[in-house]
Amino acid sequence: MTQTSQSLQCSSRSDVPFYMKTDSLQDKHDCIGDVRGIGLFIGVDLVTDRTTKSEATALAIHVKDRMRDKRILLGTEGPKDNILKIRPPLTIQPDDVDMIISTLDHILNERF
């Protein structure tokens, strides 16, 4: 098995829990309007109101900056930059997934 195919095999083991764990944050945080993605590429849509789907641009920038303070890099996307773009490396391990989810959960609980 080549190193590339080993990395892809690790990716396929990690992506389902990562998506499911990210999706589970939506139940805990009203500011998450939607979680979508494929494989390890995940988008978390931050909103000020789930009903109207008003974009939470300031919150997305705050979360991105706070995650960077914790040495976790994510980006923002979308017309109003309110979608957190999570693209971990293919070599991500389950402990890394838990740490990212836990940190994101903690930051979303902070008063903004």
PDB file of N, CA and C in Angstrom:
ATOM      1  N   MET A   1       0.857  -1.175   0.000  1.00  0.00           N
ATOM      2  CA  MET A   1       0.000   0.000   0.000  1.00  0.00           C
ATOM      3  C   MET A   1       0.903   1.238   0.000  1.00  0.00           C
ATOM      4  N   THR A   2       0.582   2.196  -0.823  1.00  0.00           N
ATOM      5  CA  THR A   2       1.385   3.422  -0.910  1.00  0.00           C
ATOM      6  C   THR A   2       1.000   4.376   0.217  1.00  0.00           C
ATOM      7  N   GLN A   3       1.849   5.354   0.448  1.00  0.00           N
ATOM      8  CA  GLN A   3       1.573   6.330   1.491  1.00  0.00           C
ATOM      9  C   GLN A   3       0.296   7.103   1.178  1.00  0.00           C
ATOM     10  N   THR A   4       0.065   7.416  -0.098  1.00  0.00           N
ATOM     11  CA  THR A   4      -1.142   8.145  -0.488  1.00  0.00           C
ATOM     12  C   THR A   4      -2.388   7.330  -0.195  1.00  0.00           C
ATOM     13  N   SER A   5      -2.384   6.054  -0.559  1.00  0.00           N
ATOM     14  CA  SER A   5      -3.570   5.242  -0.306  1.00  0.00           C
ATOM     15  C   SER A   5      -3.768   5.022   1.189  1.00  0.00           C
ATOM     16  N   GLN A   6      -2.677   4.995   1.983  1.00  0.00           N
ATOM     17  CA  GLN A   6      -2.819   4.900   3.427  1.00  0.00           C
ATOM     18  C   GLN A   6      -3.463   6.166   3.978  1.00  0.00           C
ATOM     19  N   SER A   7      -3.059   7.329   3.456  1.00  0.00           N
ATOM     20  CA  SER A   7      -3.648   8.590   3.901  1.00  0.00           C
ATOM     21  C   SER A   7      -5.126   8.642   3.570  1.00  0.00           C
ATOM     22  N   LEU A   8      -5.487   8.203   2.367  1.00  0.00           N
ATOM     23  CA  LEU A   8      -6.898   8.198   1.985  1.00  0.00           C
ATOM     24  C   LEU A   8      -7.691   7.225   2.830  1.00  0.00           C
ATOM     25  N   GLN A   9      -7.080   6.110   3.203  1.00  0.00           N
ATOM     26  CA  GLN A   9      -7.759   5.141   4.055  1.00  0.00           C
ATOM     27  C   GLN A   9      -8.000   5.764   5.435  1.00  0.00           C
ATOM     28  N   CYS A  10      -7.013   6.488   5.970  1.00  0.00           N
ATOM     29  CA  CYS A  10      -7.197   7.186   7.242  1.00  0.00           C
ATOM     30  C   CYS A  10      -8.314   8.208   7.121  1.00  0.00           C
ATOM     31  N   SER A  11      -8.351   8.904   5.998  1.00  0.00           N
ATOM     32  CA  SER A  11      -9.377   9.907   5.763  1.00  0.00           C
ATOM     33  C   SER A  11     -10.759   9.273   5.803  1.00  0.00           C
ATOM     34  N   SER A  12     -10.920   8.139   5.164  1.00  0.00           N
ATOM     35  CA  SER A  12     -12.242   7.522   5.118  1.00  0.00           C
ATOM     36  C   SER A  12     -12.652   7.017   6.497  1.00  0.00           C
ATOM     37  N   ARG A  13     -11.696   6.719   7.369  1.00  0.00           N
ATOM     38  CA  ARG A  13     -12.033   6.305   8.727  1.00  0.00           C
ATOM     39  C   ARG A  13     -12.427   7.506   9.571  1.00  0.00           C
ATOM     40  N   SER A  14     -11.886   8.668   9.276  1.00  0.00           N
ATOM     41  CA  SER A  14     -12.078   9.838  10.127  1.00  0.00           C
ATOM     42  C   SER A  14     -13.221  10.743   9.698  1.00  0.00           C
ATOM     43  N   ASP A  15     -13.570  10.774   8.410  1.00  0.00           N
ATOM     44  CA  ASP A  15     -14.501  11.799   7.945  1.00  0.00           C
ATOM     45  C   ASP A  15     -15.913  11.629   8.468  1.00  0.00           C
ATOM     46  N   VAL A  16     -16.409  10.407   8.608  1.00  0.00           N
ATOM     47  CA  VAL A  16     -17.781  10.240   9.084  1.00  0.00           C
ATOM     48  C   VAL A  16     -17.932  10.747  10.517  1.00  0.00           C
ATOM     49  N   PRO A  17     -17.051  10.356  11.449  1.00  0.00           N
ATOM     50  CA  PRO A  17     -17.207  10.898  12.796  1.00  0.00           C
ATOM     51  C   PRO A  17     -17.040  12.414  12.838  1.00  0.00           C
ATOM     52  N   PHE A  18     -16.126  12.953  12.032  1.00  0.00           N
ATOM     53  CA  PHE A  18     -15.901  14.399  12.025  1.00  0.00           C
ATOM     54  C   PHE A  18     -17.168  15.121  11.597  1.00  0.00           C
ATOM     55  N   TYR A  19     -17.782  14.690  10.508  1.00  0.00           N
ATOM     56  CA  TYR A  19     -19.009  15.323  10.033  1.00  0.00           C
ATOM     57  C   TYR A  19     -20.118  15.170  11.066  1.00  0.00           C
ATOM     58  N   MET A  20     -20.267  13.936  11.593  1.00  0.00           N
ATOM     59  CA  MET A  20     -21.345  13.682  12.555  1.00  0.00           C
ATOM     60  C   MET A  20     -21.148  14.498  13.831  1.00  0.00           C
ATOM     61  N   LYS A  21     -19.909  14.615  14.292  1.00  0.00           N
ATOM     62  CA  LYS A  21     -19.649  15.389  15.502  1.00  0.00           C
ATOM     63  C   LYS A  21     -19.873  16.872  15.246  1.00  0.00           C
ATOM     64  N   THR A  22     -19.506  17.354  14.085  1.00  0.00           N
ATOM     65  CA  THR A  22     -19.743  18.753  13.744  1.00  0.00           C
ATOM     66  C   THR A  22     -21.245  19.005  13.644  1.00  0.00           C
ATOM     67  N   ASP A  23     -21.957  18.089  13.010  1.00  0.00           N
ATOM     68  CA  ASP A  23     -23.400  18.202  12.859  1.00  0.00           C
ATOM     69  C   ASP A  23     -24.097  18.199  14.223  1.00  0.00           C
ATOM     70  N   SER A  24     -23.570  17.433  15.181  1.00  0.00           N
ATOM     71  CA  SER A  24     -24.191  17.369  16.507  1.00  0.00           C
ATOM     72  C   SER A  24     -24.112  18.703  17.249  1.00  0.00           C
ATOM     73  N   LEU A  25     -23.147  19.552  16.882  1.00  0.00           N
ATOM     74  CA  LEU A  25     -23.060  20.876  17.507  1.00  0.00           C
ATOM     75  C   LEU A  25     -24.271  21.737  17.162  1.00  0.00           C
ATOM     76  N   GLN A  26     -24.923  21.449  16.039  1.00  0.00           N
ATOM     77  CA  GLN A  26     -26.092  22.220  15.627  1.00  0.00           C
ATOM     78  C   GLN A  26     -27.211  22.099  16.659  1.00  0.00           C
ATOM     79  N   ASP A  27     -27.323  20.948  17.307  1.00  0.00           N
ATOM     80  CA  ASP A  27     -28.349  20.760  18.334  1.00  0.00           C
ATOM     81  C   ASP A  27     -28.053  21.578  19.588  1.00  0.00           C
ATOM     82  N   LYS A  28     -26.780  21.882  19.823  1.00  0.00           N
ATOM     83  CA  LYS A  28     -26.375  22.593  21.033  1.00  0.00           C
ATOM     84  C   LYS A  28     -26.319  24.109  20.858  1.00  0.00           C
ATOM     85  N   HIS A  29     -26.157  24.568  19.626  1.00  0.00           N
ATOM     86  CA  HIS A  29     -25.929  25.996  19.388  1.00  0.00           C
ATOM     87  C   HIS A  29     -26.918  26.545  18.358  1.00  0.00           C
ATOM     88  N   ASP A  30     -27.745  27.475  18.794  1.00  0.00           N
ATOM     89  CA  ASP A  30     -28.735  28.085  17.899  1.00  0.00           C
ATOM     90  C   ASP A  30     -28.098  28.899  16.783  1.00  0.00           C
ATOM     91  N   CYS A  31     -26.842  29.260  16.953  1.00  0.00           N
ATOM     92  CA  CYS A  31     -26.175  30.079  15.934  1.00  0.00           C
ATOM     93  C   CYS A  31     -25.726  29.242  14.733  1.00  0.00           C
ATOM     94  N   ILE A  32     -25.837  27.924  14.818  1.00  0.00           N
ATOM     95  CA  ILE A  32     -25.486  27.073  13.673  1.00  0.00           C
ATOM     96  C   ILE A  32     -26.752  26.808  12.875  1.00  0.00           C
ATOM     97  N   GLY A  33     -26.810  27.393  11.693  1.00  0.00           N
ATOM     98  CA  GLY A  33     -27.981  27.240  10.839  1.00  0.00           C
ATOM     99  C   GLY A  33     -27.956  25.951  10.037  1.00  0.00           C
ATOM    100  N   ASP A  34     -26.751  25.512   9.654  1.00  0.00           N
ATOM    101  CA  ASP A  34     -26.632  24.310   8.831  1.00  0.00           C
ATOM    102  C   ASP A  34     -25.184  23.825   8.883  1.00  0.00           C
ATOM    103  N   VAL A  35     -25.035  22.521   8.749  1.00  0.00           N
ATOM    104  CA  VAL A  35     -23.713  21.910   8.595  1.00  0.00           C
ATOM    105  C   VAL A  35     -23.781  21.080   7.332  1.00  0.00           C
ATOM    106  N   ARG A  36     -22.846  21.312   6.427  1.00  0.00           N
ATOM    107  CA  ARG A  36     -22.861  20.544   5.184  1.00  0.00           C
ATOM    108  C   ARG A  36     -21.426  20.272   4.757  1.00  0.00           C
ATOM    109  N   GLY A  37     -21.296  19.278   3.943  1.00  0.00           N
ATOM    110  CA  GLY A  37     -19.962  18.974   3.461  1.00  0.00           C
ATOM    111  C   GLY A  37     -19.877  17.586   2.877  1.00  0.00           C
ATOM    112  N   ILE A  38     -18.690  17.267   2.450  1.00  0.00           N
ATOM    113  CA  ILE A  38     -18.416  15.955   1.895  1.00  0.00           C
ATOM    114  C   ILE A  38     -16.992  15.587   2.293  1.00  0.00           C
ATOM    115  N   GLY A  39     -16.819  14.366   2.727  1.00  0.00           N
ATOM    116  CA  GLY A  39     -15.503  13.940   3.172  1.00  0.00           C
ATOM    117  C   GLY A  39     -15.037  14.772   4.343  1.00  0.00           C
ATOM    118  N   LEU A  40     -13.831  15.290   4.239  1.00  0.00           N
ATOM    119  CA  LEU A  40     -13.283  16.108   5.313  1.00  0.00           C
ATOM    120  C   LEU A  40     -13.504  17.599   5.080  1.00  0.00           C
ATOM    121  N   PHE A  41     -14.184  17.975   4.024  1.00  0.00           N
ATOM    122  CA  PHE A  41     -14.458  19.376   3.727  1.00  0.00           C
ATOM    123  C   PHE A  41     -15.833  19.711   4.302  1.00  0.00           C
ATOM    124  N   ILE A  42     -15.853  20.524   5.373  1.00  0.00           N
ATOM    125  CA  ILE A  42     -17.098  20.787   6.094  1.00  0.00           C
ATOM    126  C   ILE A  42     -17.339  22.284   6.181  1.00  0.00           C
ATOM    127  N   GLY A  43     -18.601  22.683   5.968  1.00  0.00           N
ATOM    128  CA  GLY A  43     -19.007  24.071   6.123  1.00  0.00           C
ATOM    129  C   GLY A  43     -20.015  24.189   7.242  1.00  0.00           C
ATOM    130  N   VAL A  44     -19.801  25.138   8.132  1.00  0.00           N
ATOM    131  CA  VAL A  44     -20.713  25.393   9.249  1.00  0.00           C
ATOM    132  C   VAL A  44     -21.281  26.793   9.050  1.00  0.00           C
ATOM    133  N   ASP A  45     -22.567  26.850   8.724  1.00  0.00           N
ATOM    134  CA  ASP A  45     -23.263  28.099   8.427  1.00  0.00           C
ATOM    135  C   ASP A  45     -23.684  28.762   9.741  1.00  0.00           C
ATOM    136  N   LEU A  46     -23.094  29.906  10.068  1.00  0.00           N
ATOM    137  CA  LEU A  46     -23.431  30.625  11.294  1.00  0.00           C
ATOM    138  C   LEU A  46     -24.471  31.696  10.990  1.00  0.00           C
ATOM    139  N   VAL A  47     -25.532  31.703  11.811  1.00  0.00           N
ATOM    140  CA  VAL A  47     -26.659  32.611  11.602  1.00  0.00           C
ATOM    141  C   VAL A  47     -27.023  33.304  12.910  1.00  0.00           C
ATOM    142  N   THR A  48     -27.675  34.454  12.785  1.00  0.00           N
ATOM    143  CA  THR A  48     -28.173  35.136  13.981  1.00  0.00           C
ATOM    144  C   THR A  48     -29.567  34.630  14.349  1.00  0.00           C
ATOM    145  N   ASP A  49     -30.269  34.064  13.376  1.00  0.00           N
ATOM    146  CA  ASP A  49     -31.622  33.556  13.587  1.00  0.00           C
ATOM    147  C   ASP A  49     -31.844  32.387  12.634  1.00  0.00           C
ATOM    148  N   ARG A  50     -32.159  31.229  13.184  1.00  0.00           N
ATOM    149  CA  ARG A  50     -32.358  30.047  12.329  1.00  0.00           C
ATOM    150  C   ARG A  50     -33.560  30.176  11.411  1.00  0.00           C
ATOM    151  N   THR A  51     -34.579  30.895  11.837  1.00  0.00           N
ATOM    152  CA  THR A  51     -35.779  31.034  11.029  1.00  0.00           C
ATOM    153  C   THR A  51     -35.527  31.892   9.798  1.00  0.00           C
ATOM    154  N   THR A  52     -34.922  33.046  10.023  1.00  0.00           N
ATOM    155  CA  THR A  52     -34.685  33.962   8.900  1.00  0.00           C
ATOM    156  C   THR A  52     -33.372  33.675   8.187  1.00  0.00           C
ATOM    157  N   LYS A  53     -32.520  32.862   8.822  1.00  0.00           N
ATOM    158  CA  LYS A  53     -31.198  32.504   8.267  1.00  0.00           C
ATOM    159  C   LYS A  53     -30.314  33.745   8.053  1.00  0.00           C
ATOM    160  N   SER A  54     -30.491  34.761   8.901  1.00  0.00           N
ATOM    161  CA  SER A  54     -29.650  35.963   8.817  1.00  0.00           C
ATOM    162  C   SER A  54     -28.199  35.596   9.102  1.00  0.00           C
ATOM    163  N   GLU A  55     -27.314  36.049   8.247  1.00  0.00           N
ATOM    164  CA  GLU A  55     -25.909  35.680   8.342  1.00  0.00           C
ATOM    165  C   GLU A  55     -25.238  36.303   9.559  1.00  0.00           C
ATOM    166  N   ALA A  56     -24.444  35.493  10.275  1.00  0.00           N
ATOM    167  CA  ALA A  56     -23.719  35.958  11.460  1.00  0.00           C
ATOM    168  C   ALA A  56     -22.251  36.170  11.100  1.00  0.00           C
ATOM    169  N   THR A  57     -22.005  37.179  10.282  1.00  0.00           N
ATOM    170  CA  THR A  57     -20.654  37.451   9.799  1.00  0.00           C
ATOM    171  C   THR A  57     -19.697  37.775  10.940  1.00  0.00           C
ATOM    172  N   ALA A  58     -20.115  38.646  11.843  1.00  0.00           N
ATOM    173  CA  ALA A  58     -19.239  39.041  12.954  1.00  0.00           C
ATOM    174  C   ALA A  58     -18.900  37.836  13.834  1.00  0.00           C
ATOM    175  N   LEU A  59     -19.871  36.978  14.073  1.00  0.00           N
ATOM    176  CA  LEU A  59     -19.621  35.776  14.876  1.00  0.00           C
ATOM    177  C   LEU A  59     -18.638  34.849  14.159  1.00  0.00           C
ATOM    178  N   ALA A  60     -18.806  34.681  12.868  1.00  0.00           N
ATOM    179  CA  ALA A  60     -17.908  33.810  12.108  1.00  0.00           C
ATOM    180  C   ALA A  60     -16.466  34.312  12.185  1.00  0.00           C
ATOM    181  N   ILE A  61     -16.286  35.618  12.076  1.00  0.00           N
ATOM    182  CA  ILE A  61     -14.941  36.189  12.169  1.00  0.00           C
ATOM    183  C   ILE A  61     -14.379  35.994  13.579  1.00  0.00           C
ATOM    184  N   HIS A  62     -15.225  36.187  14.585  1.00  0.00           N
ATOM    185  CA  HIS A  62     -14.807  35.973  15.974  1.00  0.00           C
ATOM    186  C   HIS A  62     -14.371  34.525  16.191  1.00  0.00           C
ATOM    187  N   VAL A  63     -15.186  33.575  15.731  1.00  0.00           N
ATOM    188  CA  VAL A  63     -14.863  32.158  15.903  1.00  0.00           C
ATOM    189  C   VAL A  63     -13.570  31.820  15.167  1.00  0.00           C
ATOM    190  N   LYS A  64     -13.428  32.299  13.951  1.00  0.00           N
ATOM    191  CA  LYS A  64     -12.204  32.045  13.173  1.00  0.00           C
ATOM    192  C   LYS A  64     -10.980  32.568  13.916  1.00  0.00           C
ATOM    193  N   ASP A  65     -11.075  33.776  14.460  1.00  0.00           N
ATOM    194  CA  ASP A  65      -9.948  34.362  15.181  1.00  0.00           C
ATOM    195  C   ASP A  65      -9.644  33.613  16.478  1.00  0.00           C
ATOM    196  N   ARG A  66     -10.677  33.235  17.209  1.00  0.00           N
ATOM    197  CA  ARG A  66     -10.477  32.487  18.469  1.00  0.00           C
ATOM    198  C   ARG A  66      -9.913  31.096  18.198  1.00  0.00           C
ATOM    199  N   MET A  67     -10.349  30.456  17.134  1.00  0.00           N
ATOM    200  CA  MET A  67      -9.792  29.144  16.783  1.00  0.00           C
ATOM    201  C   MET A  67      -8.312  29.319  16.429  1.00  0.00           C
ATOM    202  N   ARG A  68      -7.981  30.370  15.714  1.00  0.00           N
ATOM    203  CA  ARG A  68      -6.579  30.626  15.370  1.00  0.00           C
ATOM    204  C   ARG A  68      -5.753  30.846  16.631  1.00  0.00           C
ATOM    205  N   ASP A  69      -6.332  31.523  17.646  1.00  0.00           N
ATOM    206  CA  ASP A  69      -5.648  31.698  18.927  1.00  0.00           C
ATOM    207  C   ASP A  69      -5.302  30.346  19.549  1.00  0.00           C
ATOM    208  N   LYS A  70      -6.124  29.345  19.268  1.00  0.00           N
ATOM    209  CA  LYS A  70      -5.904  27.991  19.783  1.00  0.00           C
ATOM    210  C   LYS A  70      -5.091  27.145  18.804  1.00  0.00           C
ATOM    211  N   ARG A  71      -4.552  27.798  17.759  1.00  0.00           N
ATOM    212  CA  ARG A  71      -3.720  27.151  16.733  1.00  0.00           C
ATOM    213  C   ARG A  71      -4.486  26.165  15.844  1.00  0.00           C
ATOM    214  N   ILE A  72      -5.768  26.478  15.633  1.00  0.00           N
ATOM    215  CA  ILE A  72      -6.606  25.710  14.707  1.00  0.00           C
ATOM    216  C   ILE A  72      -7.004  26.674  13.595  1.00  0.00           C
ATOM    217  N   LEU A  73      -6.610  26.350  12.378  1.00  0.00           N
ATOM    218  CA  LEU A  73      -6.872  27.245  11.257  1.00  0.00           C
ATOM    219  C   LEU A  73      -8.128  26.832  10.514  1.00  0.00           C
ATOM    220  N   LEU A  74      -9.051  27.781  10.366  1.00  0.00           N
ATOM    221  CA  LEU A  74     -10.211  27.602   9.499  1.00  0.00           C
ATOM    222  C   LEU A  74     -10.408  28.890   8.731  1.00  0.00           C
ATOM    223  N   GLY A  75     -11.241  28.811   7.733  1.00  0.00           N
ATOM    224  CA  GLY A  75     -11.526  29.992   6.940  1.00  0.00           C
ATOM    225  C   GLY A  75     -12.995  30.324   7.006  1.00  0.00           C
ATOM    226  N   THR A  76     -13.349  31.435   6.378  1.00  0.00           N
ATOM    227  CA  THR A  76     -14.761  31.783   6.225  1.00  0.00           C
ATOM    228  C   THR A  76     -15.045  31.923   4.737  1.00  0.00           C
ATOM    229  N   GLU A  77     -16.241  31.589   4.366  1.00  0.00           N
ATOM    230  CA  GLU A  77     -16.687  31.609   2.971  1.00  0.00           C
ATOM    231  C   GLU A  77     -18.101  32.153   2.906  1.00  0.00           C
ATOM    232  N   GLY A  78     -18.583  32.248   1.711  1.00  0.00           N
ATOM    233  CA  GLY A  78     -19.952  32.686   1.471  1.00  0.00           C
ATOM    234  C   GLY A  78     -19.994  34.166   1.134  1.00  0.00           C
ATOM    235  N   PRO A  79     -21.102  34.606   0.556  1.00  0.00           N
ATOM    236  CA  PRO A  79     -21.240  36.010   0.169  1.00  0.00           C
ATOM    237  C   PRO A  79     -21.061  36.974   1.340  1.00  0.00           C
ATOM    238  N   LYS A  80     -21.422  36.533   2.550  1.00  0.00           N
ATOM    239  CA  LYS A  80     -21.297  37.386   3.735  1.00  0.00           C
ATOM    240  C   LYS A  80     -20.249  36.856   4.713  1.00  0.00           C
ATOM    241  N   ASP A  81     -19.401  35.939   4.271  1.00  0.00           N
ATOM    242  CA  ASP A  81     -18.330  35.367   5.105  1.00  0.00           C
ATOM    243  C   ASP A  81     -18.845  34.811   6.430  1.00  0.00           C
ATOM    244  N   ASN A  82     -19.984  34.149   6.408  1.00  0.00           N
ATOM    245  CA  ASN A  82     -20.549  33.604   7.640  1.00  0.00           C
ATOM    246  C   ASN A  82     -20.466  32.081   7.716  1.00  0.00           C
ATOM    247  N   ILE A  83     -19.818  31.460   6.762  1.00  0.00           N
ATOM    248  CA  ILE A  83     -19.698  29.998   6.763  1.00  0.00           C
ATOM    249  C   ILE A  83     -18.274  29.637   7.148  1.00  0.00           C
ATOM    250  N   LEU A  84     -18.141  28.893   8.255  1.00  0.00           N
ATOM    251  CA  LEU A  84     -16.832  28.411   8.663  1.00  0.00           C
ATOM    252  C   LEU A  84     -16.444  27.272   7.737  1.00  0.00           C
ATOM    253  N   LYS A  85     -15.266  27.364   7.184  1.00  0.00           N
ATOM    254  CA  LYS A  85     -14.767  26.347   6.260  1.00  0.00           C
ATOM    255  C   LYS A  85     -13.708  25.536   7.002  1.00  0.00           C
ATOM    256  N   ILE A  86     -14.015  24.261   7.243  1.00  0.00           N
ATOM    257  CA  ILE A  86     -13.103  23.382   7.973  1.00  0.00           C
ATOM    258  C   ILE A  86     -12.526  22.378   6.984  1.00  0.00           C
ATOM    259  N   ARG A  87     -11.206  22.414   6.837  1.00  0.00           N
ATOM    260  CA  ARG A  87     -10.513  21.511   5.912  1.00  0.00           C
ATOM    261  C   ARG A  87      -9.277  20.936   6.604  1.00  0.00           C
ATOM    262  N   PRO A  88      -9.461  19.911   7.413  1.00  0.00           N
ATOM    263  CA  PRO A  88      -8.307  19.345   8.112  1.00  0.00           C
ATOM    264  C   PRO A  88      -7.423  18.552   7.156  1.00  0.00           C
ATOM    265  N   PRO A  89      -6.199  18.263   7.581  1.00  0.00           N
ATOM    266  CA  PRO A  89      -5.310  17.462   6.729  1.00  0.00           C
ATOM    267  C   PRO A  89      -5.819  16.026   6.620  1.00  0.00           C
ATOM    268  N   LEU A  90      -5.438  15.363   5.548  1.00  0.00           N
ATOM    269  CA  LEU A  90      -5.851  13.969   5.363  1.00  0.00           C
ATOM    270  C   LEU A  90      -5.348  13.058   6.475  1.00  0.00           C
ATOM    271  N   THR A  91      -4.308  13.462   7.154  1.00  0.00           N
ATOM    272  CA  THR A  91      -3.717  12.628   8.200  1.00  0.00           C
ATOM    273  C   THR A  91      -4.352  12.846   9.566  1.00  0.00           C
ATOM    274  N   ILE A  92      -5.485  13.541   9.621  1.00  0.00           N
ATOM    275  CA  ILE A  92      -6.133  13.827  10.901  1.00  0.00           C
ATOM    276  C   ILE A  92      -6.487  12.528  11.618  1.00  0.00           C
ATOM    277  N   GLN A  93      -6.312  12.536  12.918  1.00  0.00           N
ATOM    278  CA  GLN A  93      -6.589  11.377  13.758  1.00  0.00           C
ATOM    279  C   GLN A  93      -7.841  11.643  14.602  1.00  0.00           C
ATOM    280  N   PRO A  94      -8.487  10.593  15.106  1.00  0.00           N
ATOM    281  CA  PRO A  94      -9.706  10.780  15.914  1.00  0.00           C
ATOM    282  C   PRO A  94      -9.524  11.727  17.098  1.00  0.00           C
ATOM    283  N   ASP A  95      -8.375  11.684  17.768  1.00  0.00           N
ATOM    284  CA  ASP A  95      -8.133  12.605  18.882  1.00  0.00           C
ATOM    285  C   ASP A  95      -8.109  14.058  18.403  1.00  0.00           C
ATOM    286  N   ASP A  96      -7.581  14.269  17.206  1.00  0.00           N
ATOM    287  CA  ASP A  96      -7.550  15.620  16.633  1.00  0.00           C
ATOM    288  C   ASP A  96      -8.965  16.110  16.339  1.00  0.00           C
ATOM    289  N   VAL A  97      -9.797  15.225  15.831  1.00  0.00           N
ATOM    290  CA  VAL A  97     -11.196  15.573  15.548  1.00  0.00           C
ATOM    291  C   VAL A  97     -11.881  15.994  16.842  1.00  0.00           C
ATOM    292  N   ASP A  98     -11.697  15.199  17.894  1.00  0.00           N
ATOM    293  CA  ASP A  98     -12.320  15.524  19.182  1.00  0.00           C
ATOM    294  C   ASP A  98     -11.850  16.877  19.703  1.00  0.00           C
ATOM    295  N   MET A  99     -10.566  17.167  19.544  1.00  0.00           N
ATOM    296  CA  MET A  99     -10.015  18.434  20.013  1.00  0.00           C
ATOM    297  C   MET A  99     -10.606  19.612  19.226  1.00  0.00           C
ATOM    298  N   ILE A 100     -10.733  19.475  17.920  1.00  0.00           N
ATOM    299  CA  ILE A 100     -11.310  20.543  17.104  1.00  0.00           C
ATOM    300  C   ILE A 100     -12.768  20.786  17.482  1.00  0.00           C
ATOM    301  N   ILE A 101     -13.540  19.712  17.612  1.00  0.00           N
ATOM    302  CA  ILE A 101     -14.962  19.833  17.960  1.00  0.00           C
ATOM    303  C   ILE A 101     -15.116  20.442  19.347  1.00  0.00           C
ATOM    304  N   SER A 102     -14.324  19.985  20.298  1.00  0.00           N
ATOM    305  CA  SER A 102     -14.383  20.493  21.665  1.00  0.00           C
ATOM    306  C   SER A 102     -14.036  21.982  21.704  1.00  0.00           C
ATOM    307  N   THR A 103     -13.012  22.384  20.978  1.00  0.00           N
ATOM    308  CA  THR A 103     -12.605  23.783  20.944  1.00  0.00           C
ATOM    309  C   THR A 103     -13.683  24.641  20.290  1.00  0.00           C
ATOM    310  N   LEU A 104     -14.241  24.168  19.182  1.00  0.00           N
ATOM    311  CA  LEU A 104     -15.312  24.907  18.513  1.00  0.00           C
ATOM    312  C   LEU A 104     -16.521  25.048  19.441  1.00  0.00           C
ATOM    313  N   ASP A 105     -16.882  23.987  20.132  1.00  0.00           N
ATOM    314  CA  ASP A 105     -17.992  24.004  21.078  1.00  0.00           C
ATOM    315  C   ASP A 105     -17.738  25.034  22.174  1.00  0.00           C
ATOM    316  N   HIS A 106     -16.546  25.018  22.732  1.00  0.00           N
ATOM    317  CA  HIS A 106     -16.178  25.955  23.796  1.00  0.00           C
ATOM    318  C   HIS A 106     -16.273  27.403  23.308  1.00  0.00           C
ATOM    319  N   ILE A 107     -15.751  27.667  22.127  1.00  0.00           N
ATOM    320  CA  ILE A 107     -15.765  29.035  21.589  1.00  0.00           C
ATOM    321  C   ILE A 107     -17.194  29.492  21.285  1.00  0.00           C
ATOM    322  N   LEU A 108     -18.022  28.596  20.781  1.00  0.00           N
ATOM    323  CA  LEU A 108     -19.418  28.966  20.507  1.00  0.00           C
ATOM    324  C   LEU A 108     -20.191  29.237  21.796  1.00  0.00           C
ATOM    325  N   ASN A 109     -19.712  28.696  22.913  1.00  0.00           N
ATOM    326  CA  ASN A 109     -20.345  28.953  24.218  1.00  0.00           C
ATOM    327  C   ASN A 109     -19.904  30.278  24.832  1.00  0.00           C
ATOM    328  N   GLU A 110     -18.832  30.864  24.333  1.00  0.00           N
ATOM    329  CA  GLU A 110     -18.361  32.137  24.862  1.00  0.00           C
ATOM    330  C   GLU A 110     -19.379  33.236  24.558  1.00  0.00           C
ATOM    331  N   ARG A 111     -19.407  34.215  25.414  1.00  0.00           N
ATOM    332  CA  ARG A 111     -20.263  35.376  25.153  1.00  0.00           C
ATOM    333  C   ARG A 111     -19.585  36.256  24.129  1.00  0.00           C
ATOM    334  N   PHE A 112     -20.297  36.522  23.041  1.00  0.00           N
ATOM    335  CA  PHE A 112     -19.735  37.331  21.970  1.00  0.00           C
ATOM    336  C   PHE A 112     -20.398  38.681  21.956  1.00  0.00           C
TER     337      PHE A 112
END
